Amino acid sequence: MMRWAIAAAAALVCTAGLVWASAEAATEKSAAAAGMYLEETVVGTILTANRMYESDGSEWYDCDLRVDEVEAEKPGVRVGEVLRVRIFMRRQSASEGGGAGESAIRKHTGEDGVDVVHEKAGVVVRERIQWWLAGRQIPGPERGLQVSGPLRLEEGPEARIWVAGVLKPLGRGELVNPGDGAAVDLGSPEAKVLVKMFAPLGIACHQKTADLLKELAGREGERVRVQLFDMRQPEGRREMQRERIRCATVLINNRMSFTLERKEGRREVVLSHRPNEARSSYNSEDVIAVAEGEVARLYSEGAAEEEKSAP
């Protein structure tokens, strides 16, 4: 009886704070019975993120994650499905073997990626996850951020949840995310294409883009919504802060980087900074071309069929 109690206590300590915290055999059995797969490697966009804490210092986010891609021959989730996912950014667990002293083991994956920092002190291991994007650290999961990495299905007492391994941030995912306080707001709120422009309105190089977007909204008002924000006004600056951008930018369904297909070949455009100059990454006509391409894609017959069959 004593041996059984010691073994049970040891098992409880070893699993209390780990990311893969469910009992393996029980999860396999329940997942198999439900026809689910234990693990998936996905690319997904975060739709909601709620920050959570535990008294031992653990920190995680409970997120709604829309699946954009699945890397599996027989995936257990579908593109377009929204999963409830737990993403740990700081966690604590028991260490095998213990030992005195403290040490930090750092795993770095490059300028844009993930730092995994293990801090060991005696029998306790603390792990911190740091995300880096465009050369700067970001705090963690945010609405509209696209990430990639492994998920594991876990069975809880009340519900099933996916728990993330170490995820890598990829950048801005596709999302219709209208803002407040636009100087100009044209088109239907139900449109599938949302263009948000942040610029010092009235300056010639940006005004050309604004004028072309107003014309587009006039032609495609049911399918395109255009919001223009003046970054010199408090409302515009607040929306820029919410969108995590610092300079003049055009967002089309939350993204600013696109590939344009032209007769002369493919061209990468980044809808940021000043347009229409020799060293610019885009011109005003590129914005319209991207927006029209998104209209064609999202309102195609194939897209309509996918929307009907979405979970």
C-alpha atoms as a PDB file:
ATOM      1  CA  MET A   1       0.000   0.000   0.000  1.00  0.00           C
ATOM      2  CA  MET A   2       2.850   2.378   0.921  1.00  0.00           C
ATOM      3  CA  ARG A   3       4.652   1.652  -2.380  1.00  0.00           C
ATOM      4  CA  TRP A   4       1.462   2.430  -4.287  1.00  0.00           C
ATOM      5  CA  ALA A   5       1.008   5.791  -2.474  1.00  0.00           C
ATOM      6  CA  ILE A   6       4.621   6.819  -3.162  1.00  0.00           C
ATOM      7  CA  ALA A   7       4.315   5.929  -6.855  1.00  0.00           C
ATOM      8  CA  ALA A   8       1.054   7.849  -7.185  1.00  0.00           C
ATOM      9  CA  ALA A   9       2.517  10.925  -5.523  1.00  0.00           C
ATOM     10  CA  ALA A  10       5.585  10.813  -7.776  1.00  0.00           C
ATOM     11  CA  ALA A  11       3.412  10.557 -10.881  1.00  0.00           C
ATOM     12  CA  LEU A  12       1.342  13.551  -9.747  1.00  0.00           C
ATOM     13  CA  VAL A  13       4.449  15.711  -9.176  1.00  0.00           C
ATOM     14  CA  CYS A  14       5.973  14.815 -12.541  1.00  0.00           C
ATOM     15  CA  THR A  15       2.870  15.726 -14.516  1.00  0.00           C
ATOM     16  CA  ALA A  16       1.504  18.740 -12.616  1.00  0.00           C
ATOM     17  CA  GLY A  17       3.040  21.568 -14.649  1.00  0.00           C
ATOM     18  CA  LEU A  18       4.107  20.014 -17.935  1.00  0.00           C
ATOM     19  CA  VAL A  19       2.713  21.162 -21.279  1.00  0.00           C
ATOM     20  CA  TRP A  20       1.856  17.597 -22.221  1.00  0.00           C
ATOM     21  CA  ALA A  21       0.048  17.134 -18.901  1.00  0.00           C
ATOM     22  CA  SER A  22      -2.540  14.444 -19.687  1.00  0.00           C
ATOM     23  CA  ALA A  23      -2.126  10.770 -18.895  1.00  0.00           C
ATOM     24  CA  GLU A  24      -0.769   9.303 -22.150  1.00  0.00           C
ATOM     25  CA  ALA A  25      -2.602   6.009 -22.147  1.00  0.00           C
ATOM     26  CA  ALA A  26      -5.947   7.546 -21.165  1.00  0.00           C
ATOM     27  CA  THR A  27      -5.630  10.230 -23.850  1.00  0.00           C
ATOM     28  CA  GLU A  28      -4.728   7.675 -26.520  1.00  0.00           C
ATOM     29  CA  LYS A  29      -7.741   5.568 -25.621  1.00  0.00           C
ATOM     30  CA  SER A  30     -10.214   8.468 -25.553  1.00  0.00           C
ATOM     31  CA  ALA A  31      -8.799  10.042 -28.716  1.00  0.00           C
ATOM     32  CA  ALA A  32      -8.930   6.753 -30.561  1.00  0.00           C
ATOM     33  CA  ALA A  33     -12.512   6.197 -29.419  1.00  0.00           C
ATOM     34  CA  ALA A  34     -13.443   9.646 -30.694  1.00  0.00           C
ATOM     35  CA  GLY A  35     -11.616   9.097 -33.981  1.00  0.00           C
ATOM     36  CA  MET A  36      -9.212  11.965 -33.180  1.00  0.00           C
ATOM     37  CA  TYR A  37      -5.463  12.172 -33.680  1.00  0.00           C
ATOM     38  CA  LEU A  38      -3.209  12.947 -30.741  1.00  0.00           C
ATOM     39  CA  GLU A  39      -0.928  15.445 -32.414  1.00  0.00           C
ATOM     40  CA  GLU A  40      -1.144  17.871 -35.322  1.00  0.00           C
ATOM     41  CA  THR A  41       1.349  20.321 -36.776  1.00  0.00           C
ATOM     42  CA  VAL A  42      -0.581  23.341 -37.988  1.00  0.00           C
ATOM     43  CA  VAL A  43      -0.332  26.886 -39.222  1.00  0.00           C
ATOM     44  CA  GLY A  44      -3.083  28.976 -37.667  1.00  0.00           C
ATOM     45  CA  THR A  45      -4.259  32.503 -36.913  1.00  0.00           C
ATOM     46  CA  ILE A  46      -5.127  33.568 -33.379  1.00  0.00           C
ATOM     47  CA  LEU A  47      -8.675  34.953 -33.178  1.00  0.00           C
ATOM     48  CA  THR A  48      -8.870  35.523 -29.408  1.00  0.00           C
ATOM     49  CA  ALA A  49      -6.259  35.370 -26.626  1.00  0.00           C
ATOM     50  CA  ASN A  50      -6.959  35.425 -22.880  1.00  0.00           C
ATOM     51  CA  ARG A  51      -3.964  35.645 -20.548  1.00  0.00           C
ATOM     52  CA  MET A  52      -4.003  33.301 -17.529  1.00  0.00           C
ATOM     53  CA  TYR A  53      -1.764  32.826 -14.463  1.00  0.00           C
ATOM     54  CA  GLU A  54      -1.132  30.162 -11.815  1.00  0.00           C
ATOM     55  CA  SER A  55       0.154  30.719  -8.280  1.00  0.00           C
ATOM     56  CA  ASP A  56       3.387  28.851  -9.047  1.00  0.00           C
ATOM     57  CA  GLY A  57       4.328  31.451 -11.662  1.00  0.00           C
ATOM     58  CA  SER A  58       3.030  29.570 -14.706  1.00  0.00           C
ATOM     59  CA  GLU A  59       1.590  31.778 -17.461  1.00  0.00           C
ATOM     60  CA  TRP A  60      -0.439  30.730 -20.476  1.00  0.00           C
ATOM     61  CA  TYR A  61      -3.005  31.970 -22.964  1.00  0.00           C
ATOM     62  CA  ASP A  62      -6.300  30.282 -23.764  1.00  0.00           C
ATOM     63  CA  CYS A  63      -6.847  31.050 -27.448  1.00  0.00           C
ATOM     64  CA  ASP A  64      -9.225  30.441 -30.307  1.00  0.00           C
ATOM     65  CA  LEU A  65      -6.992  29.397 -33.212  1.00  0.00           C
ATOM     66  CA  ARG A  66      -8.269  29.166 -36.799  1.00  0.00           C
ATOM     67  CA  VAL A  67      -6.503  26.430 -38.737  1.00  0.00           C
ATOM     68  CA  ASP A  68      -4.944  27.792 -41.960  1.00  0.00           C
ATOM     69  CA  GLU A  69      -2.789  24.776 -42.930  1.00  0.00           C
ATOM     70  CA  VAL A  70      -2.308  21.239 -41.601  1.00  0.00           C
ATOM     71  CA  GLU A  71       0.882  19.206 -42.045  1.00  0.00           C
ATOM     72  CA  ALA A  72      -0.395  15.638 -41.944  1.00  0.00           C
ATOM     73  CA  GLU A  73      -1.354  12.890 -44.383  1.00  0.00           C
ATOM     74  CA  LYS A  74      -4.500  12.133 -42.378  1.00  0.00           C
ATOM     75  CA  PRO A  75      -5.207  15.270 -40.353  1.00  0.00           C
ATOM     76  CA  GLY A  76      -7.595  15.172 -37.428  1.00  0.00           C
ATOM     77  CA  VAL A  77      -8.496  18.846 -37.916  1.00  0.00           C
ATOM     78  CA  ARG A  78      -9.646  20.768 -40.967  1.00  0.00           C
ATOM     79  CA  VAL A  79      -8.559  24.005 -42.575  1.00  0.00           C
ATOM     80  CA  GLY A  80     -10.976  26.696 -41.387  1.00  0.00           C
ATOM     81  CA  GLU A  81     -11.785  24.887 -38.140  1.00  0.00           C
ATOM     82  CA  VAL A  82     -11.445  26.938 -34.942  1.00  0.00           C
ATOM     83  CA  LEU A  83      -9.685  25.119 -32.090  1.00  0.00           C
ATOM     84  CA  ARG A  84      -9.526  25.947 -28.402  1.00  0.00           C
ATOM     85  CA  VAL A  85      -5.777  25.993 -27.728  1.00  0.00           C
ATOM     86  CA  ARG A  86      -3.710  26.541 -24.583  1.00  0.00           C
ATOM     87  CA  ILE A  87      -0.347  28.224 -25.270  1.00  0.00           C
ATOM     88  CA  PHE A  88       2.184  28.241 -22.426  1.00  0.00           C
ATOM     89  CA  MET A  89       4.650  31.139 -22.218  1.00  0.00           C
ATOM     90  CA  ARG A  90       6.013  30.324 -18.748  1.00  0.00           C
ATOM     91  CA  ARG A  91       5.691  27.016 -16.950  1.00  0.00           C
ATOM     92  CA  GLN A  92       7.140  25.133 -14.001  1.00  0.00           C
ATOM     93  CA  SER A  93       7.755  21.410 -13.555  1.00  0.00           C
ATOM     94  CA  ALA A  94       9.667  18.915 -11.447  1.00  0.00           C
ATOM     95  CA  SER A  95      13.236  18.069 -12.517  1.00  0.00           C
ATOM     96  CA  GLU A  96      14.610  14.556 -12.798  1.00  0.00           C
ATOM     97  CA  GLY A  97      17.532  14.005 -10.470  1.00  0.00           C
ATOM     98  CA  GLY A  98      17.415  17.379  -8.716  1.00  0.00           C
ATOM     99  CA  GLY A  99      20.818  18.817  -7.784  1.00  0.00           C
ATOM    100  CA  ALA A 100      21.980  22.028  -6.192  1.00  0.00           C
ATOM    101  CA  GLY A 101      22.691  25.353  -7.846  1.00  0.00           C
ATOM    102  CA  GLU A 102      21.058  27.253 -10.706  1.00  0.00           C
ATOM    103  CA  SER A 103      21.666  27.245 -14.449  1.00  0.00           C
ATOM    104  CA  ALA A 104      20.025  28.647 -17.555  1.00  0.00           C
ATOM    105  CA  ILE A 105      19.949  26.786 -20.865  1.00  0.00           C
ATOM    106  CA  ARG A 106      18.975  28.975 -23.815  1.00  0.00           C
ATOM    107  CA  LYS A 107      17.829  27.692 -27.190  1.00  0.00           C
ATOM    108  CA  HIS A 108      17.778  30.360 -29.892  1.00  0.00           C
ATOM    109  CA  THR A 109      16.266  29.827 -33.335  1.00  0.00           C
ATOM    110  CA  GLY A 110      17.261  33.075 -35.020  1.00  0.00           C
ATOM    111  CA  GLU A 111      16.151  36.685 -35.303  1.00  0.00           C
ATOM    112  CA  ASP A 112      12.548  35.780 -36.127  1.00  0.00           C
ATOM    113  CA  GLY A 113      11.519  32.789 -34.054  1.00  0.00           C
ATOM    114  CA  VAL A 114      11.566  31.469 -30.524  1.00  0.00           C
ATOM    115  CA  ASP A 115      13.810  31.551 -27.483  1.00  0.00           C
ATOM    116  CA  VAL A 116      13.299  28.709 -25.002  1.00  0.00           C
ATOM    117  CA  VAL A 117      14.959  29.476 -21.675  1.00  0.00           C
ATOM    118  CA  HIS A 118      15.237  26.752 -19.007  1.00  0.00           C
ATOM    119  CA  GLU A 119      16.158  27.891 -15.505  1.00  0.00           C
ATOM    120  CA  LYS A 120      17.011  25.026 -13.164  1.00  0.00           C
ATOM    121  CA  ALA A 121      17.224  25.337  -9.379  1.00  0.00           C
ATOM    122  CA  GLY A 122      17.287  22.110  -7.397  1.00  0.00           C
ATOM    123  CA  VAL A 123      14.280  19.999  -8.334  1.00  0.00           C
ATOM    124  CA  VAL A 124      12.380  22.827 -10.048  1.00  0.00           C
ATOM    125  CA  VAL A 125      12.672  23.742 -13.717  1.00  0.00           C
ATOM    126  CA  ARG A 126      11.145  26.943 -15.011  1.00  0.00           C
ATOM    127  CA  GLU A 127      10.756  27.387 -18.735  1.00  0.00           C
ATOM    128  CA  ARG A 128      10.153  30.731 -20.431  1.00  0.00           C
ATOM    129  CA  ILE A 129       9.104  31.097 -24.053  1.00  0.00           C
ATOM    130  CA  GLN A 130      10.031  34.310 -25.872  1.00  0.00           C
ATOM    131  CA  TRP A 131       8.715  35.166 -29.334  1.00  0.00           C
ATOM    132  CA  TRP A 132      10.657  37.318 -31.794  1.00  0.00           C
ATOM    133  CA  LEU A 133       9.234  38.871 -34.936  1.00  0.00           C
ATOM    134  CA  ALA A 134      10.904  41.382 -37.265  1.00  0.00           C
ATOM    135  CA  GLY A 135      13.821  41.621 -34.863  1.00  0.00           C
ATOM    136  CA  ARG A 136      11.801  42.576 -31.788  1.00  0.00           C
ATOM    137  CA  GLN A 137      10.344  40.606 -28.929  1.00  0.00           C
ATOM    138  CA  ILE A 138       6.575  40.348 -28.809  1.00  0.00           C
ATOM    139  CA  PRO A 139       4.757  39.584 -25.545  1.00  0.00           C
ATOM    140  CA  GLY A 140       2.868  36.515 -26.671  1.00  0.00           C
ATOM    141  CA  PRO A 141      -0.304  35.466 -28.495  1.00  0.00           C
ATOM    142  CA  GLU A 142      -2.223  38.392 -29.991  1.00  0.00           C
ATOM    143  CA  ARG A 143      -5.339  38.619 -32.128  1.00  0.00           C
ATOM    144  CA  GLY A 144      -4.424  38.367 -35.805  1.00  0.00           C
ATOM    145  CA  LEU A 145      -0.995  36.757 -35.263  1.00  0.00           C
ATOM    146  CA  GLN A 146      -0.252  33.688 -37.375  1.00  0.00           C
ATOM    147  CA  VAL A 147       1.785  30.906 -35.737  1.00  0.00           C
ATOM    148  CA  SER A 148       3.047  27.439 -36.624  1.00  0.00           C
ATOM    149  CA  GLY A 149       3.937  24.391 -34.584  1.00  0.00           C
ATOM    150  CA  PRO A 150       2.662  21.233 -32.869  1.00  0.00           C
ATOM    151  CA  LEU A 151      -0.589  20.815 -30.972  1.00  0.00           C
ATOM    152  CA  ARG A 152      -1.568  17.909 -28.764  1.00  0.00           C
ATOM    153  CA  LEU A 153      -5.109  16.906 -27.873  1.00  0.00           C
ATOM    154  CA  GLU A 154      -5.828  16.590 -24.149  1.00  0.00           C
ATOM    155  CA  GLU A 155      -8.912  15.384 -22.339  1.00  0.00           C
ATOM    156  CA  GLY A 156      -9.922  17.522 -19.365  1.00  0.00           C
ATOM    157  CA  PRO A 157     -12.613  16.902 -16.742  1.00  0.00           C
ATOM    158  CA  GLU A 158     -15.092  19.108 -18.583  1.00  0.00           C
ATOM    159  CA  ALA A 159     -13.847  19.555 -22.141  1.00  0.00           C
ATOM    160  CA  ARG A 160     -11.249  18.611 -24.726  1.00  0.00           C
ATOM    161  CA  ILE A 161      -8.496  21.123 -25.390  1.00  0.00           C
ATOM    162  CA  TRP A 162      -5.470  21.362 -27.650  1.00  0.00           C
ATOM    163  CA  VAL A 163      -2.207  22.234 -25.874  1.00  0.00           C
ATOM    164  CA  ALA A 164       0.548  23.826 -27.928  1.00  0.00           C
ATOM    165  CA  GLY A 165       4.176  22.833 -28.014  1.00  0.00           C
ATOM    166  CA  VAL A 166       6.727  25.518 -28.877  1.00  0.00           C
ATOM    167  CA  LEU A 167       5.055  27.681 -31.520  1.00  0.00           C
ATOM    168  CA  LYS A 168       6.827  30.001 -33.936  1.00  0.00           C
ATOM    169  CA  PRO A 169       5.270  33.379 -34.830  1.00  0.00           C
ATOM    170  CA  LEU A 170       5.013  33.895 -38.591  1.00  0.00           C
ATOM    171  CA  GLY A 171       3.531  37.385 -38.849  1.00  0.00           C
ATOM    172  CA  ARG A 172       0.095  38.749 -39.571  1.00  0.00           C
ATOM    173  CA  GLY A 173      -2.588  36.235 -40.525  1.00  0.00           C
ATOM    174  CA  GLU A 174      -5.701  36.811 -42.614  1.00  0.00           C
ATOM    175  CA  LEU A 175      -8.428  38.449 -40.535  1.00  0.00           C
ATOM    176  CA  VAL A 176     -11.260  40.940 -40.983  1.00  0.00           C
ATOM    177  CA  ASN A 177     -10.668  43.248 -38.030  1.00  0.00           C
ATOM    178  CA  PRO A 178     -12.423  46.636 -38.455  1.00  0.00           C
ATOM    179  CA  GLY A 179     -11.253  49.564 -36.354  1.00  0.00           C
ATOM    180  CA  ASP A 180     -12.825  52.515 -34.543  1.00  0.00           C
ATOM    181  CA  GLY A 181     -12.390  56.197 -35.264  1.00  0.00           C
ATOM    182  CA  ALA A 182     -11.712  56.086 -39.014  1.00  0.00           C
ATOM    183  CA  ALA A 183     -11.657  59.480 -40.745  1.00  0.00           C
ATOM    184  CA  VAL A 184     -13.350  57.793 -43.735  1.00  0.00           C
ATOM    185  CA  ASP A 185     -15.363  54.553 -43.582  1.00  0.00           C
ATOM    186  CA  LEU A 186     -16.875  53.322 -46.861  1.00  0.00           C
ATOM    187  CA  GLY A 187     -18.454  50.050 -47.948  1.00  0.00           C
ATOM    188  CA  SER A 188     -20.487  47.339 -46.294  1.00  0.00           C
ATOM    189  CA  PRO A 189     -19.661  46.062 -42.781  1.00  0.00           C
ATOM    190  CA  GLU A 190     -20.417  42.603 -44.211  1.00  0.00           C
ATOM    191  CA  ALA A 191     -17.743  42.835 -46.912  1.00  0.00           C
ATOM    192  CA  LYS A 192     -15.208  40.000 -46.961  1.00  0.00           C
ATOM    193  CA  VAL A 193     -12.362  42.367 -47.894  1.00  0.00           C
ATOM    194  CA  LEU A 194     -11.349  45.072 -45.414  1.00  0.00           C
ATOM    195  CA  VAL A 195      -8.745  47.690 -46.346  1.00  0.00           C
ATOM    196  CA  LYS A 196      -7.371  49.801 -43.494  1.00  0.00           C
ATOM    197  CA  MET A 197      -5.046  52.623 -44.474  1.00  0.00           C
ATOM    198  CA  PHE A 198      -2.940  54.479 -41.894  1.00  0.00           C
ATOM    199  CA  ALA A 199      -1.194  57.598 -43.183  1.00  0.00           C
ATOM    200  CA  PRO A 200      -0.875  61.365 -42.767  1.00  0.00           C
ATOM    201  CA  LEU A 201      -3.854  61.992 -45.049  1.00  0.00           C
ATOM    202  CA  GLY A 202      -3.447  64.917 -47.413  1.00  0.00           C
ATOM    203  CA  ILE A 203       0.227  64.321 -48.246  1.00  0.00           C
ATOM    204  CA  ALA A 204       0.487  63.756 -51.998  1.00  0.00           C
ATOM    205  CA  CYS A 205       2.084  60.289 -52.084  1.00  0.00           C
ATOM    206  CA  HIS A 206      -0.499  58.905 -49.639  1.00  0.00           C
ATOM    207  CA  GLN A 207      -3.447  60.909 -50.936  1.00  0.00           C
ATOM    208  CA  LYS A 208      -3.221  59.152 -54.289  1.00  0.00           C
ATOM    209  CA  THR A 209      -3.685  55.786 -52.530  1.00  0.00           C
ATOM    210  CA  ALA A 210      -6.582  57.173 -50.489  1.00  0.00           C
ATOM    211  CA  ASP A 211      -8.320  58.495 -53.615  1.00  0.00           C
ATOM    212  CA  LEU A 212      -7.941  55.184 -55.452  1.00  0.00           C
ATOM    213  CA  LEU A 213      -9.342  53.326 -52.442  1.00  0.00           C
ATOM    214  CA  LYS A 214     -12.376  55.617 -52.326  1.00  0.00           C
ATOM    215  CA  GLU A 215     -12.988  54.834 -56.004  1.00  0.00           C
ATOM    216  CA  LEU A 216     -12.662  51.116 -55.278  1.00  0.00           C
ATOM    217  CA  ALA A 217     -15.215  51.347 -52.463  1.00  0.00           C
ATOM    218  CA  GLY A 218     -17.526  53.157 -54.855  1.00  0.00           C
ATOM    219  CA  ARG A 219     -17.288  50.291 -57.358  1.00  0.00           C
ATOM    220  CA  GLU A 220     -17.193  47.381 -54.908  1.00  0.00           C
ATOM    221  CA  GLY A 221     -19.017  48.681 -51.850  1.00  0.00           C
ATOM    222  CA  GLU A 222     -20.784  45.374 -51.158  1.00  0.00           C
ATOM    223  CA  ARG A 223     -17.566  43.363 -51.293  1.00  0.00           C
ATOM    224  CA  VAL A 224     -14.915  45.855 -50.080  1.00  0.00           C
ATOM    225  CA  ARG A 225     -14.891  48.017 -46.968  1.00  0.00           C
ATOM    226  CA  VAL A 226     -12.345  50.867 -46.829  1.00  0.00           C
ATOM    227  CA  GLN A 227     -11.280  52.573 -43.602  1.00  0.00           C
ATOM    228  CA  LEU A 228      -8.876  55.534 -43.749  1.00  0.00           C
ATOM    229  CA  PHE A 229      -7.119  56.583 -40.531  1.00  0.00           C
ATOM    230  CA  ASP A 230      -5.209  59.836 -40.170  1.00  0.00           C
ATOM    231  CA  MET A 231      -2.134  58.972 -38.125  1.00  0.00           C
ATOM    232  CA  ARG A 232      -1.837  62.614 -37.007  1.00  0.00           C
ATOM    233  CA  GLN A 233      -5.158  62.370 -35.166  1.00  0.00           C
ATOM    234  CA  PRO A 234      -5.667  60.691 -31.741  1.00  0.00           C
ATOM    235  CA  GLU A 235      -8.156  58.179 -33.168  1.00  0.00           C
ATOM    236  CA  GLY A 236      -5.717  57.139 -35.876  1.00  0.00           C
ATOM    237  CA  ARG A 237      -2.832  56.762 -33.427  1.00  0.00           C
ATOM    238  CA  ARG A 238      -4.972  54.639 -31.092  1.00  0.00           C
ATOM    239  CA  GLU A 239      -5.893  52.274 -33.918  1.00  0.00           C
ATOM    240  CA  MET A 240      -2.247  52.073 -35.005  1.00  0.00           C
ATOM    241  CA  GLN A 241      -1.298  51.065 -31.478  1.00  0.00           C
ATOM    242  CA  ARG A 242      -4.005  48.423 -31.444  1.00  0.00           C
ATOM    243  CA  GLU A 243      -2.700  47.085 -34.757  1.00  0.00           C
ATOM    244  CA  ARG A 244       0.942  47.188 -33.555  1.00  0.00           C
ATOM    245  CA  ILE A 245       2.169  49.336 -36.443  1.00  0.00           C
ATOM    246  CA  ARG A 246       4.416  52.392 -36.237  1.00  0.00           C
ATOM    247  CA  CYS A 247       4.462  53.954 -39.700  1.00  0.00           C
ATOM    248  CA  ALA A 248       2.210  54.566 -42.698  1.00  0.00           C
ATOM    249  CA  THR A 249       0.708  51.193 -43.670  1.00  0.00           C
ATOM    250  CA  VAL A 250      -2.104  49.661 -45.676  1.00  0.00           C
ATOM    251  CA  LEU A 251      -3.594  46.476 -44.210  1.00  0.00           C
ATOM    252  CA  ILE A 252      -5.741  44.266 -46.413  1.00  0.00           C
ATOM    253  CA  ASN A 253      -7.530  41.711 -44.244  1.00  0.00           C
ATOM    254  CA  ASN A 254      -4.871  42.289 -41.566  1.00  0.00           C
ATOM    255  CA  ARG A 255      -1.877  41.659 -43.871  1.00  0.00           C
ATOM    256  CA  MET A 256       0.605  44.002 -45.524  1.00  0.00           C
ATOM    257  CA  SER A 257       2.886  41.603 -47.446  1.00  0.00           C
ATOM    258  CA  PHE A 258       1.628  40.123 -50.737  1.00  0.00           C
ATOM    259  CA  THR A 259       2.801  38.587 -54.002  1.00  0.00           C
ATOM    260  CA  LEU A 260       1.460  40.210 -57.158  1.00  0.00           C
ATOM    261  CA  GLU A 261       1.192  38.149 -60.340  1.00  0.00           C
ATOM    262  CA  ARG A 262       1.979  40.272 -63.397  1.00  0.00           C
ATOM    263  CA  LYS A 263       2.687  39.571 -67.069  1.00  0.00           C
ATOM    264  CA  GLU A 264       6.308  40.458 -66.423  1.00  0.00           C
ATOM    265  CA  GLY A 265       6.456  37.997 -63.503  1.00  0.00           C
ATOM    266  CA  ARG A 266       5.821  37.786 -59.779  1.00  0.00           C
ATOM    267  CA  ARG A 267       6.622  40.710 -57.523  1.00  0.00           C
ATOM    268  CA  GLU A 268       6.665  40.965 -53.735  1.00  0.00           C
ATOM    269  CA  VAL A 269       5.062  44.084 -52.306  1.00  0.00           C
ATOM    270  CA  VAL A 270       5.020  45.350 -48.718  1.00  0.00           C
ATOM    271  CA  LEU A 271       2.330  47.981 -48.193  1.00  0.00           C
ATOM    272  CA  SER A 272       4.285  50.048 -45.694  1.00  0.00           C
ATOM    273  CA  HIS A 273       6.091  53.425 -45.571  1.00  0.00           C
ATOM    274  CA  ARG A 274       5.918  55.951 -48.434  1.00  0.00           C
ATOM    275  CA  PRO A 275       4.627  54.705 -51.807  1.00  0.00           C
ATOM    276  CA  ASN A 276       5.227  55.946 -55.354  1.00  0.00           C
ATOM    277  CA  GLU A 277       8.932  56.661 -55.033  1.00  0.00           C
ATOM    278  CA  ALA A 278      11.961  55.006 -56.609  1.00  0.00           C
ATOM    279  CA  ARG A 279      12.902  53.164 -53.419  1.00  0.00           C
ATOM    280  CA  SER A 280       9.338  52.430 -52.286  1.00  0.00           C
ATOM    281  CA  SER A 281       8.213  48.866 -51.653  1.00  0.00           C
ATOM    282  CA  TYR A 282       4.890  49.528 -53.399  1.00  0.00           C
ATOM    283  CA  ASN A 283       2.892  52.097 -55.348  1.00  0.00           C
ATOM    284  CA  SER A 284      -0.725  53.168 -55.061  1.00  0.00           C
ATOM    285  CA  GLU A 285      -1.845  50.979 -57.951  1.00  0.00           C
ATOM    286  CA  ASP A 286      -0.400  47.929 -56.160  1.00  0.00           C
ATOM    287  CA  VAL A 287      -2.835  48.467 -53.287  1.00  0.00           C
ATOM    288  CA  ILE A 288      -5.789  48.327 -55.667  1.00  0.00           C
ATOM    289  CA  ALA A 289      -4.386  45.287 -57.474  1.00  0.00           C
ATOM    290  CA  VAL A 290      -4.003  43.390 -54.201  1.00  0.00           C
ATOM    291  CA  ALA A 291      -7.487  44.350 -53.015  1.00  0.00           C
ATOM    292  CA  GLU A 292      -9.073  43.311 -56.312  1.00  0.00           C
ATOM    293  CA  GLY A 293      -7.171  40.032 -56.187  1.00  0.00           C
ATOM    294  CA  GLU A 294      -8.554  39.353 -52.713  1.00  0.00           C
ATOM    295  CA  VAL A 295     -12.075  40.118 -53.930  1.00  0.00           C
ATOM    296  CA  ALA A 296     -11.650  37.632 -56.776  1.00  0.00           C
ATOM    297  CA  ARG A 297     -10.306  34.966 -54.411  1.00  0.00           C
ATOM    298  CA  LEU A 298     -12.783  35.375 -51.557  1.00  0.00           C
ATOM    299  CA  TYR A 299     -15.869  35.722 -53.757  1.00  0.00           C
ATOM    300  CA  SER A 300     -15.005  32.893 -56.159  1.00  0.00           C
ATOM    301  CA  GLU A 301     -17.257  29.844 -56.484  1.00  0.00           C
ATOM    302  CA  GLY A 302     -14.604  27.699 -54.823  1.00  0.00           C
ATOM    303  CA  ALA A 303     -14.437  30.006 -51.812  1.00  0.00           C
ATOM    304  CA  ALA A 304     -18.222  29.920 -51.488  1.00  0.00           C
ATOM    305  CA  GLU A 305     -18.191  26.105 -51.454  1.00  0.00           C
ATOM    306  CA  GLU A 306     -15.434  26.054 -48.816  1.00  0.00           C
ATOM    307  CA  GLU A 307     -17.425  28.457 -46.660  1.00  0.00           C
ATOM    308  CA  LYS A 308     -20.490  26.197 -46.841  1.00  0.00           C
ATOM    309  CA  SER A 309     -18.465  23.142 -45.803  1.00  0.00           C
ATOM    310  CA  ALA A 310     -16.509  24.922 -43.042  1.00  0.00           C
ATOM    311  CA  PRO A 311     -16.949  23.485 -39.518  1.00  0.00           C
END
